[in-house]
Amino acid sequence: MSTPFRRFSGTPTYLTNESLEAAVNCALALERPLLVKGEPGTGKTLLAQAISETLEMELIHWPVKSTTRAQDGLYVYDTVQRLYDARFGDGDVKDIRRYIKLGPLGRAFASSERKVLLIDEVDKADLEFPNDLLHELDRMRFVIPETGDEVAATQRPVVLITSNNEKELPDAFLRRCVFHFIDFPDAELMKRIVRVHHPEVEGALVDQAVVAFYELRSVPRIRKRPSTSELVDWIAVLMRSGVGKERLVRELPFLGVLLKKEQDVDLLKVVKSAGGMRR
């Protein structure tokens, strides 16, 4: 069932660009899942929250793990609780519906109001996981064999799927999605993002911190490059500790906020001693 089309243009706390807005609005117009890729920290998960806020729809978050099955998103039959009740409880264990719990996809379908469904990090699951989702995402309905009940969507949810590119996704799955790759923000956009989170921060401190941040990300062979959220946290620590631009020019204080692997810290020491950092 179609609903009036509403355009997405970001929020005061989620800054976008024309290409991202176009991808979201294309997915909304076509009522197809939006598949978003990009390195960690580029705001893929936060995009779902921004869409939820803009469209004024509840967000249902389905975080995917290596053990996640497509079945888990539809419903779970709690046989353990039923067995426990049969032995120790006084409920009606013959009523199987008491032990059927809808998963994130099932709740999105069953709701009388349109929802935003985030299937987060789809590439973490087994390779068959995306293919197993295709049928239900296409039909927007499924049957619970234990009861014979059918769960059918009266309001087609807005589906956002994120991937960190850990695995290739099947072509059949990709054909059914609108795709967008979120590029890592450039320095100017990053400064705007920082000011959203820290509007009171001194301009000179932001400028120097962003320069240091991008130099750190450009160090060859670094295993985990710092992300946007880590820069925002780092600037918060710098502000609260009273660190000024001058100290940032001389050193990189609180490096543990930016680098999370011992090998990267050791690599940075080698690079700095060899004069590889311009600062």
C-alpha atoms as a PDB file:
ATOM      1  CA  MET A   1       0.000   0.000   0.000  1.00  0.00           C
ATOM      2  CA  SER A   2       1.569   3.304  -1.119  1.00  0.00           C
ATOM      3  CA  THR A   3       1.934   6.275   1.177  1.00  0.00           C
ATOM      4  CA  PRO A   4       2.476   9.943   0.262  1.00  0.00           C
ATOM      5  CA  PHE A   5       6.077  10.535  -0.865  1.00  0.00           C
ATOM      6  CA  ARG A   6       8.205  12.651   1.436  1.00  0.00           C
ATOM      7  CA  ARG A   7      11.680  13.797   0.461  1.00  0.00           C
ATOM      8  CA  PHE A   8      14.756  13.289   2.617  1.00  0.00           C
ATOM      9  CA  SER A   9      17.225  16.145   2.986  1.00  0.00           C
ATOM     10  CA  GLY A  10      19.156  15.337   6.153  1.00  0.00           C
ATOM     11  CA  THR A  11      18.634  16.697   9.635  1.00  0.00           C
ATOM     12  CA  PRO A  12      20.294  19.404  11.735  1.00  0.00           C
ATOM     13  CA  THR A  13      22.561  16.722  13.242  1.00  0.00           C
ATOM     14  CA  TYR A  14      23.062  14.527  10.141  1.00  0.00           C
ATOM     15  CA  LEU A  15      24.715  16.421   7.301  1.00  0.00           C
ATOM     16  CA  THR A  16      24.295  15.055   3.788  1.00  0.00           C
ATOM     17  CA  ASN A  17      25.219  15.807   0.201  1.00  0.00           C
ATOM     18  CA  GLU A  18      23.199  15.771  -3.025  1.00  0.00           C
ATOM     19  CA  SER A  19      24.213  12.245  -4.052  1.00  0.00           C
ATOM     20  CA  LEU A  20      23.200  10.689  -0.724  1.00  0.00           C
ATOM     21  CA  GLU A  21      19.894  12.563  -0.665  1.00  0.00           C
ATOM     22  CA  ALA A  22      19.217  11.457  -4.254  1.00  0.00           C
ATOM     23  CA  ALA A  23      19.869   7.805  -3.367  1.00  0.00           C
ATOM     24  CA  VAL A  24      17.555   7.908  -0.342  1.00  0.00           C
ATOM     25  CA  ASN A  25      14.785   9.633  -2.263  1.00  0.00           C
ATOM     26  CA  CYS A  26      15.154   7.207  -5.178  1.00  0.00           C
ATOM     27  CA  ALA A  27      14.713   4.267  -2.775  1.00  0.00           C
ATOM     28  CA  LEU A  28      11.691   5.962  -1.198  1.00  0.00           C
ATOM     29  CA  ALA A  29      10.078   6.633  -4.580  1.00  0.00           C
ATOM     30  CA  LEU A  30      10.681   3.084  -5.849  1.00  0.00           C
ATOM     31  CA  GLU A  31       9.871   1.517  -2.450  1.00  0.00           C
ATOM     32  CA  ARG A  32      12.995  -0.605  -2.738  1.00  0.00           C
ATOM     33  CA  PRO A  33      15.630  -1.359  -0.073  1.00  0.00           C
ATOM     34  CA  LEU A  34      18.526   1.105   0.045  1.00  0.00           C
ATOM     35  CA  LEU A  35      21.894  -0.647   0.296  1.00  0.00           C
ATOM     36  CA  VAL A  36      24.542   1.632   1.778  1.00  0.00           C
ATOM     37  CA  LYS A  37      28.233   0.799   1.819  1.00  0.00           C
ATOM     38  CA  GLY A  38      31.227   2.692   3.152  1.00  0.00           C
ATOM     39  CA  GLU A  39      34.048   2.293   5.616  1.00  0.00           C
ATOM     40  CA  PRO A  40      33.164   2.210   9.332  1.00  0.00           C
ATOM     41  CA  GLY A  41      32.469   5.646  10.766  1.00  0.00           C
ATOM     42  CA  THR A  42      30.909   7.198   7.662  1.00  0.00           C
ATOM     43  CA  GLY A  43      27.436   7.386   9.218  1.00  0.00           C
ATOM     44  CA  LYS A  44      25.671   4.415   7.651  1.00  0.00           C
ATOM     45  CA  THR A  45      23.781   3.439  10.804  1.00  0.00           C
ATOM     46  CA  LEU A  46      23.078   7.065  11.722  1.00  0.00           C
ATOM     47  CA  LEU A  47      21.516   7.528   8.286  1.00  0.00           C
ATOM     48  CA  ALA A  48      18.668   5.219   9.318  1.00  0.00           C
ATOM     49  CA  GLN A  49      18.061   7.347  12.411  1.00  0.00           C
ATOM     50  CA  ALA A  50      18.031  10.494  10.270  1.00  0.00           C
ATOM     51  CA  ILE A  51      15.528   8.951   7.833  1.00  0.00           C
ATOM     52  CA  SER A  52      13.370   7.870  10.767  1.00  0.00           C
ATOM     53  CA  GLU A  53      13.448  11.400  12.174  1.00  0.00           C
ATOM     54  CA  THR A  54      12.689  13.059   8.829  1.00  0.00           C
ATOM     55  CA  LEU A  55       9.816  10.741   7.945  1.00  0.00           C
ATOM     56  CA  GLU A  56       8.556  10.673  11.549  1.00  0.00           C
ATOM     57  CA  MET A  57       8.530   6.880  11.596  1.00  0.00           C
ATOM     58  CA  GLU A  58       9.685   4.490  14.291  1.00  0.00           C
ATOM     59  CA  LEU A  59      13.076   2.869  13.642  1.00  0.00           C
ATOM     60  CA  ILE A  60      13.422  -0.912  14.027  1.00  0.00           C
ATOM     61  CA  HIS A  61      17.094  -1.901  14.266  1.00  0.00           C
ATOM     62  CA  TRP A  62      18.173  -5.411  13.245  1.00  0.00           C
ATOM     63  CA  PRO A  63      21.920  -5.797  13.985  1.00  0.00           C
ATOM     64  CA  VAL A  64      23.240  -8.733  11.982  1.00  0.00           C
ATOM     65  CA  LYS A  65      25.840 -11.105  13.465  1.00  0.00           C
ATOM     66  CA  SER A  66      27.781 -14.044  12.051  1.00  0.00           C
ATOM     67  CA  THR A  67      25.177 -16.450  13.463  1.00  0.00           C
ATOM     68  CA  THR A  68      22.118 -14.510  12.266  1.00  0.00           C
ATOM     69  CA  ARG A  69      19.660 -16.336  10.010  1.00  0.00           C
ATOM     70  CA  ALA A  70      16.970 -14.747   7.871  1.00  0.00           C
ATOM     71  CA  GLN A  71      14.449 -16.771   9.879  1.00  0.00           C
ATOM     72  CA  ASP A  72      15.454 -14.773  12.991  1.00  0.00           C
ATOM     73  CA  GLY A  73      14.184 -11.608  11.365  1.00  0.00           C
ATOM     74  CA  LEU A  74      10.766 -13.106  10.713  1.00  0.00           C
ATOM     75  CA  TYR A  75       9.918 -14.889  13.962  1.00  0.00           C
ATOM     76  CA  VAL A  76      11.300 -17.144  16.684  1.00  0.00           C
ATOM     77  CA  TYR A  77       9.480 -20.168  18.096  1.00  0.00           C
ATOM     78  CA  ASP A  78      10.499 -20.375  21.771  1.00  0.00           C
ATOM     79  CA  THR A  79      10.435 -24.141  22.232  1.00  0.00           C
ATOM     80  CA  VAL A  80      12.569 -23.921  25.373  1.00  0.00           C
ATOM     81  CA  GLN A  81      10.026 -21.716  27.172  1.00  0.00           C
ATOM     82  CA  ARG A  82       7.200 -23.983  26.043  1.00  0.00           C
ATOM     83  CA  LEU A  83       9.007 -27.024  27.414  1.00  0.00           C
ATOM     84  CA  TYR A  84       9.692 -25.196  30.683  1.00  0.00           C
ATOM     85  CA  ASP A  85       6.024 -24.187  31.017  1.00  0.00           C
ATOM     86  CA  ALA A  86       4.937 -27.755  30.256  1.00  0.00           C
ATOM     87  CA  ARG A  87       7.029 -29.024  33.160  1.00  0.00           C
ATOM     88  CA  PHE A  88       6.717 -26.240  35.731  1.00  0.00           C
ATOM     89  CA  GLY A  89       4.204 -23.643  34.515  1.00  0.00           C
ATOM     90  CA  ASP A  90       0.451 -23.451  34.667  1.00  0.00           C
ATOM     91  CA  GLY A  91      -0.167 -21.775  31.278  1.00  0.00           C
ATOM     92  CA  ASP A  92      -1.812 -23.285  28.241  1.00  0.00           C
ATOM     93  CA  VAL A  93       1.118 -24.844  26.387  1.00  0.00           C
ATOM     94  CA  LYS A  94      -1.270 -26.021  23.662  1.00  0.00           C
ATOM     95  CA  ASP A  95      -1.518 -22.429  22.440  1.00  0.00           C
ATOM     96  CA  ILE A  96       1.596 -22.277  20.274  1.00  0.00           C
ATOM     97  CA  ARG A  97       0.988 -18.600  19.466  1.00  0.00           C
ATOM     98  CA  ARG A  98       2.070 -17.728  23.011  1.00  0.00           C
ATOM     99  CA  TYR A  99       5.568 -18.890  22.085  1.00  0.00           C
ATOM    100  CA  ILE A 100       5.863 -17.168  18.732  1.00  0.00           C
ATOM    101  CA  LYS A 101       7.871 -13.927  18.932  1.00  0.00           C
ATOM    102  CA  LEU A 102       8.124 -11.761  15.837  1.00  0.00           C
ATOM    103  CA  GLY A 103      11.584 -10.654  14.790  1.00  0.00           C
ATOM    104  CA  PRO A 104      12.514  -7.177  13.470  1.00  0.00           C
ATOM    105  CA  LEU A 105      11.292  -7.914   9.941  1.00  0.00           C
ATOM    106  CA  GLY A 106       8.125  -9.554  11.268  1.00  0.00           C
ATOM    107  CA  ARG A 107       7.363  -6.556  13.507  1.00  0.00           C
ATOM    108  CA  ALA A 108       7.857  -4.155  10.595  1.00  0.00           C
ATOM    109  CA  PHE A 109       5.425  -6.187   8.481  1.00  0.00           C
ATOM    110  CA  ALA A 110       2.845  -6.656  11.245  1.00  0.00           C
ATOM    111  CA  SER A 111       2.697  -2.991  12.279  1.00  0.00           C
ATOM    112  CA  SER A 112      -0.307  -0.942  11.224  1.00  0.00           C
ATOM    113  CA  GLU A 113       2.043   2.062  10.937  1.00  0.00           C
ATOM    114  CA  ARG A 114       4.901   2.367   8.465  1.00  0.00           C
ATOM    115  CA  LYS A 115       8.335   1.740   9.997  1.00  0.00           C
ATOM    116  CA  VAL A 116      11.957   2.303   9.046  1.00  0.00           C
ATOM    117  CA  LEU A 117      13.775  -1.049   9.165  1.00  0.00           C
ATOM    118  CA  LEU A 118      17.572  -1.021   9.465  1.00  0.00           C
ATOM    119  CA  ILE A 119      19.270  -4.313   8.554  1.00  0.00           C
ATOM    120  CA  ASP A 120      22.695  -3.412   9.904  1.00  0.00           C
ATOM    121  CA  GLU A 121      25.953  -4.953   8.576  1.00  0.00           C
ATOM    122  CA  VAL A 122      24.331  -7.548   6.342  1.00  0.00           C
ATOM    123  CA  ASP A 123      27.772  -8.778   5.204  1.00  0.00           C
ATOM    124  CA  LYS A 124      28.548 -10.200   8.652  1.00  0.00           C
ATOM    125  CA  ALA A 125      26.139 -13.095   8.159  1.00  0.00           C
ATOM    126  CA  ASP A 126      26.446 -16.269   6.117  1.00  0.00           C
ATOM    127  CA  LEU A 127      26.594 -15.866   2.340  1.00  0.00           C
ATOM    128  CA  GLU A 128      23.095 -17.327   1.994  1.00  0.00           C
ATOM    129  CA  PHE A 129      21.587 -14.757   4.347  1.00  0.00           C
ATOM    130  CA  PRO A 130      20.898 -12.043   1.708  1.00  0.00           C
ATOM    131  CA  ASN A 131      19.367 -14.582  -0.681  1.00  0.00           C
ATOM    132  CA  ASP A 132      17.116 -15.902   2.085  1.00  0.00           C
ATOM    133  CA  LEU A 133      15.754 -12.378   2.584  1.00  0.00           C
ATOM    134  CA  LEU A 134      14.831 -11.849  -1.064  1.00  0.00           C
ATOM    135  CA  HIS A 135      11.502 -13.657  -1.087  1.00  0.00           C
ATOM    136  CA  GLU A 136      10.089 -11.906   1.990  1.00  0.00           C
ATOM    137  CA  LEU A 137      11.417  -8.478   0.999  1.00  0.00           C
ATOM    138  CA  ASP A 138       9.798  -8.859  -2.418  1.00  0.00           C
ATOM    139  CA  ARG A 139       6.437 -10.179  -1.228  1.00  0.00           C
ATOM    140  CA  MET A 140       6.302  -8.303   2.109  1.00  0.00           C
ATOM    141  CA  ARG A 141       4.563 -11.284   3.705  1.00  0.00           C
ATOM    142  CA  PHE A 142       5.395 -14.671   5.190  1.00  0.00           C
ATOM    143  CA  VAL A 143       3.657 -17.644   6.815  1.00  0.00           C
ATOM    144  CA  ILE A 144       4.402 -19.068  10.278  1.00  0.00           C
ATOM    145  CA  PRO A 145       4.246 -22.852   9.651  1.00  0.00           C
ATOM    146  CA  GLU A 146       3.694 -23.736  13.331  1.00  0.00           C
ATOM    147  CA  THR A 147       0.385 -21.850  13.410  1.00  0.00           C
ATOM    148  CA  GLY A 148      -0.501 -21.353   9.752  1.00  0.00           C
ATOM    149  CA  ASP A 149      -0.796 -17.593  10.367  1.00  0.00           C
ATOM    150  CA  GLU A 150       0.275 -15.217   7.611  1.00  0.00           C
ATOM    151  CA  VAL A 151       1.999 -11.939   8.492  1.00  0.00           C
ATOM    152  CA  ALA A 152       1.487  -9.452   5.661  1.00  0.00           C
ATOM    153  CA  ALA A 153       2.560  -5.808   5.518  1.00  0.00           C
ATOM    154  CA  THR A 154      -0.266  -3.313   5.141  1.00  0.00           C
ATOM    155  CA  GLN A 155       2.342  -0.522   5.205  1.00  0.00           C
ATOM    156  CA  ARG A 156       5.533  -1.285   3.273  1.00  0.00           C
ATOM    157  CA  PRO A 157       8.475  -0.458   5.570  1.00  0.00           C
ATOM    158  CA  VAL A 158      11.342   1.761   4.498  1.00  0.00           C
ATOM    159  CA  VAL A 159      14.274  -0.680   4.384  1.00  0.00           C
ATOM    160  CA  LEU A 160      17.886   0.439   4.803  1.00  0.00           C
ATOM    161  CA  ILE A 161      20.636  -2.191   4.556  1.00  0.00           C
ATOM    162  CA  THR A 162      24.239  -1.419   5.514  1.00  0.00           C
ATOM    163  CA  SER A 163      27.425  -3.250   4.571  1.00  0.00           C
ATOM    164  CA  ASN A 164      31.094  -2.770   5.437  1.00  0.00           C
ATOM    165  CA  ASN A 165      32.151  -4.647   2.296  1.00  0.00           C
ATOM    166  CA  GLU A 166      33.481  -7.617   4.269  1.00  0.00           C
ATOM    167  CA  LYS A 167      31.840 -10.013   1.788  1.00  0.00           C
ATOM    168  CA  GLU A 168      30.502  -9.795  -1.749  1.00  0.00           C
ATOM    169  CA  LEU A 169      26.710  -9.747  -1.874  1.00  0.00           C
ATOM    170  CA  PRO A 170      24.797 -11.888  -4.424  1.00  0.00           C
ATOM    171  CA  ASP A 171      23.861 -10.242  -7.722  1.00  0.00           C
ATOM    172  CA  ALA A 172      20.214 -11.229  -7.300  1.00  0.00           C
ATOM    173  CA  PHE A 173      20.158  -9.343  -4.004  1.00  0.00           C
ATOM    174  CA  LEU A 174      21.919  -6.294  -5.464  1.00  0.00           C
ATOM    175  CA  ARG A 175      19.435  -6.080  -8.350  1.00  0.00           C
ATOM    176  CA  ARG A 176      16.593  -5.492  -5.904  1.00  0.00           C
ATOM    177  CA  CYS A 177      18.317  -2.623  -4.082  1.00  0.00           C
ATOM    178  CA  VAL A 178      19.118   1.005  -4.709  1.00  0.00           C
ATOM    179  CA  PHE A 179      22.850   1.339  -4.015  1.00  0.00           C
ATOM    180  CA  HIS A 180      24.915   4.164  -2.559  1.00  0.00           C
ATOM    181  CA  PHE A 181      28.532   4.285  -1.392  1.00  0.00           C
ATOM    182  CA  ILE A 182      29.166   6.903   1.297  1.00  0.00           C
ATOM    183  CA  ASP A 183      32.534   8.501   0.680  1.00  0.00           C
ATOM    184  CA  PHE A 184      34.581   9.500   3.695  1.00  0.00           C
ATOM    185  CA  PRO A 185      33.942  13.217   4.393  1.00  0.00           C
ATOM    186  CA  ASP A 186      36.466  15.707   3.065  1.00  0.00           C
ATOM    187  CA  ALA A 187      38.069  18.196   5.434  1.00  0.00           C
ATOM    188  CA  GLU A 188      35.496  20.962   4.962  1.00  0.00           C
ATOM    189  CA  LEU A 189      32.525  18.673   5.531  1.00  0.00           C
ATOM    190  CA  MET A 190      34.315  17.164   8.515  1.00  0.00           C
ATOM    191  CA  LYS A 191      34.665  20.607  10.085  1.00  0.00           C
ATOM    192  CA  ARG A 192      30.913  21.135   9.665  1.00  0.00           C
ATOM    193  CA  ILE A 193      30.240  17.757  11.268  1.00  0.00           C
ATOM    194  CA  VAL A 194      32.492  18.627  14.219  1.00  0.00           C
ATOM    195  CA  ARG A 195      30.673  21.927  14.730  1.00  0.00           C
ATOM    196  CA  VAL A 196      27.321  20.110  14.834  1.00  0.00           C
ATOM    197  CA  HIS A 197      28.607  18.155  17.841  1.00  0.00           C
ATOM    198  CA  HIS A 198      30.776  20.912  19.352  1.00  0.00           C
ATOM    199  CA  PRO A 199      29.329  24.297  18.317  1.00  0.00           C
ATOM    200  CA  GLU A 200      31.382  26.127  20.946  1.00  0.00           C
ATOM    201  CA  VAL A 201      34.801  24.774  19.906  1.00  0.00           C
ATOM    202  CA  GLU A 202      37.513  27.252  18.910  1.00  0.00           C
ATOM    203  CA  GLY A 203      38.015  27.489  15.148  1.00  0.00           C
ATOM    204  CA  ALA A 204      41.814  27.238  15.298  1.00  0.00           C
ATOM    205  CA  LEU A 205      41.602  24.055  17.362  1.00  0.00           C
ATOM    206  CA  VAL A 206      39.198  22.468  14.868  1.00  0.00           C
ATOM    207  CA  ASP A 207      41.417  23.423  11.929  1.00  0.00           C
ATOM    208  CA  GLN A 208      44.547  21.939  13.480  1.00  0.00           C
ATOM    209  CA  ALA A 209      42.781  18.833  14.792  1.00  0.00           C
ATOM    210  CA  VAL A 210      41.289  18.100  11.368  1.00  0.00           C
ATOM    211  CA  VAL A 211      44.700  18.541   9.699  1.00  0.00           C
ATOM    212  CA  ALA A 212      46.254  16.122  12.206  1.00  0.00           C
ATOM    213  CA  PHE A 213      43.363  13.678  11.778  1.00  0.00           C
ATOM    214  CA  TYR A 214      43.710  13.452   7.987  1.00  0.00           C
ATOM    215  CA  GLU A 215      47.494  13.199   8.190  1.00  0.00           C
ATOM    216  CA  LEU A 216      47.051  10.298  10.592  1.00  0.00           C
ATOM    217  CA  ARG A 217      44.567   8.592   8.243  1.00  0.00           C
ATOM    218  CA  SER A 218      47.054   8.969   5.369  1.00  0.00           C
ATOM    219  CA  VAL A 219      49.889   7.133   7.155  1.00  0.00           C
ATOM    220  CA  PRO A 220      50.771   4.111   4.959  1.00  0.00           C
ATOM    221  CA  ARG A 221      50.074   0.610   6.325  1.00  0.00           C
ATOM    222  CA  ILE A 222      47.880   1.834   9.182  1.00  0.00           C
ATOM    223  CA  ARG A 223      45.532  -1.043  10.064  1.00  0.00           C
ATOM    224  CA  LYS A 224      42.544   0.837  11.499  1.00  0.00           C
ATOM    225  CA  ARG A 225      42.195   4.395  10.349  1.00  0.00           C
ATOM    226  CA  PRO A 226      40.382   6.679  12.792  1.00  0.00           C
ATOM    227  CA  SER A 227      36.761   7.436  11.928  1.00  0.00           C
ATOM    228  CA  THR A 228      34.494  10.463  12.230  1.00  0.00           C
ATOM    229  CA  SER A 229      33.136   9.451  15.636  1.00  0.00           C
ATOM    230  CA  GLU A 230      36.677   9.105  16.973  1.00  0.00           C
ATOM    231  CA  LEU A 231      37.582  12.594  15.744  1.00  0.00           C
ATOM    232  CA  VAL A 232      34.472  14.010  17.463  1.00  0.00           C
ATOM    233  CA  ASP A 233      35.466  12.234  20.694  1.00  0.00           C
ATOM    234  CA  TRP A 234      39.079  13.408  20.367  1.00  0.00           C
ATOM    235  CA  ILE A 235      38.074  17.049  20.011  1.00  0.00           C
ATOM    236  CA  ALA A 236      35.802  16.689  23.049  1.00  0.00           C
ATOM    237  CA  VAL A 237      38.773  15.462  25.096  1.00  0.00           C
ATOM    238  CA  LEU A 238      41.021  18.237  23.763  1.00  0.00           C
ATOM    239  CA  MET A 239      38.439  20.866  24.727  1.00  0.00           C
ATOM    240  CA  ARG A 240      37.844  19.504  28.227  1.00  0.00           C
ATOM    241  CA  SER A 241      41.576  19.198  28.856  1.00  0.00           C
ATOM    242  CA  GLY A 242      42.319  22.720  27.680  1.00  0.00           C
ATOM    243  CA  VAL A 243      44.663  21.573  24.923  1.00  0.00           C
ATOM    244  CA  GLY A 244      45.318  24.385  22.460  1.00  0.00           C
ATOM    245  CA  LYS A 245      46.505  24.607  18.871  1.00  0.00           C
ATOM    246  CA  GLU A 246      50.132  25.076  19.923  1.00  0.00           C
ATOM    247  CA  ARG A 247      50.315  21.745  21.727  1.00  0.00           C
ATOM    248  CA  LEU A 248      48.630  19.997  18.799  1.00  0.00           C
ATOM    249  CA  VAL A 249      51.343  21.353  16.508  1.00  0.00           C
ATOM    250  CA  ARG A 250      54.016  19.797  18.739  1.00  0.00           C
ATOM    251  CA  GLU A 251      52.389  16.448  19.524  1.00  0.00           C
ATOM    252  CA  LEU A 252      49.260  14.302  19.319  1.00  0.00           C
ATOM    253  CA  PRO A 253      47.865  14.116  22.865  1.00  0.00           C
ATOM    254  CA  PHE A 254      45.327  11.440  23.854  1.00  0.00           C
ATOM    255  CA  LEU A 255      46.317   9.308  20.892  1.00  0.00           C
ATOM    256  CA  GLY A 256      44.402   6.364  22.339  1.00  0.00           C
ATOM    257  CA  VAL A 257      41.142   8.059  21.360  1.00  0.00           C
ATOM    258  CA  LEU A 258      42.146   7.909  17.680  1.00  0.00           C
ATOM    259  CA  LEU A 259      44.233   4.747  17.362  1.00  0.00           C
ATOM    260  CA  LYS A 260      42.881   1.469  18.737  1.00  0.00           C
ATOM    261  CA  LYS A 261      45.600  -0.996  17.703  1.00  0.00           C
ATOM    262  CA  GLU A 262      49.030  -1.320  19.283  1.00  0.00           C
ATOM    263  CA  GLN A 263      50.586  -1.920  15.855  1.00  0.00           C
ATOM    264  CA  ASP A 264      49.251   1.439  14.615  1.00  0.00           C
ATOM    265  CA  VAL A 265      50.653   3.283  17.631  1.00  0.00           C
ATOM    266  CA  ASP A 266      54.062   1.687  17.068  1.00  0.00           C
ATOM    267  CA  LEU A 267      53.885   2.469  13.347  1.00  0.00           C
ATOM    268  CA  LEU A 268      53.119   6.116  14.051  1.00  0.00           C
ATOM    269  CA  LYS A 269      56.174   6.388  16.312  1.00  0.00           C
ATOM    270  CA  VAL A 270      58.356   5.047  13.518  1.00  0.00           C
ATOM    271  CA  VAL A 271      56.820   7.407  10.960  1.00  0.00           C
ATOM    272  CA  LYS A 272      57.244  10.448  13.220  1.00  0.00           C
ATOM    273  CA  SER A 273      60.851   9.595  14.043  1.00  0.00           C
ATOM    274  CA  ALA A 274      61.563   9.286  10.328  1.00  0.00           C
ATOM    275  CA  GLY A 275      59.973  12.680   9.661  1.00  0.00           C
ATOM    276  CA  GLY A 276      57.032  11.227   7.805  1.00  0.00           C
ATOM    277  CA  MET A 277      54.441  13.466   9.489  1.00  0.00           C
ATOM    278  CA  ARG A 278      54.414  17.004   8.094  1.00  0.00           C
ATOM    279  CA  ARG A 279      53.385  18.512  11.406  1.00  0.00           C
END
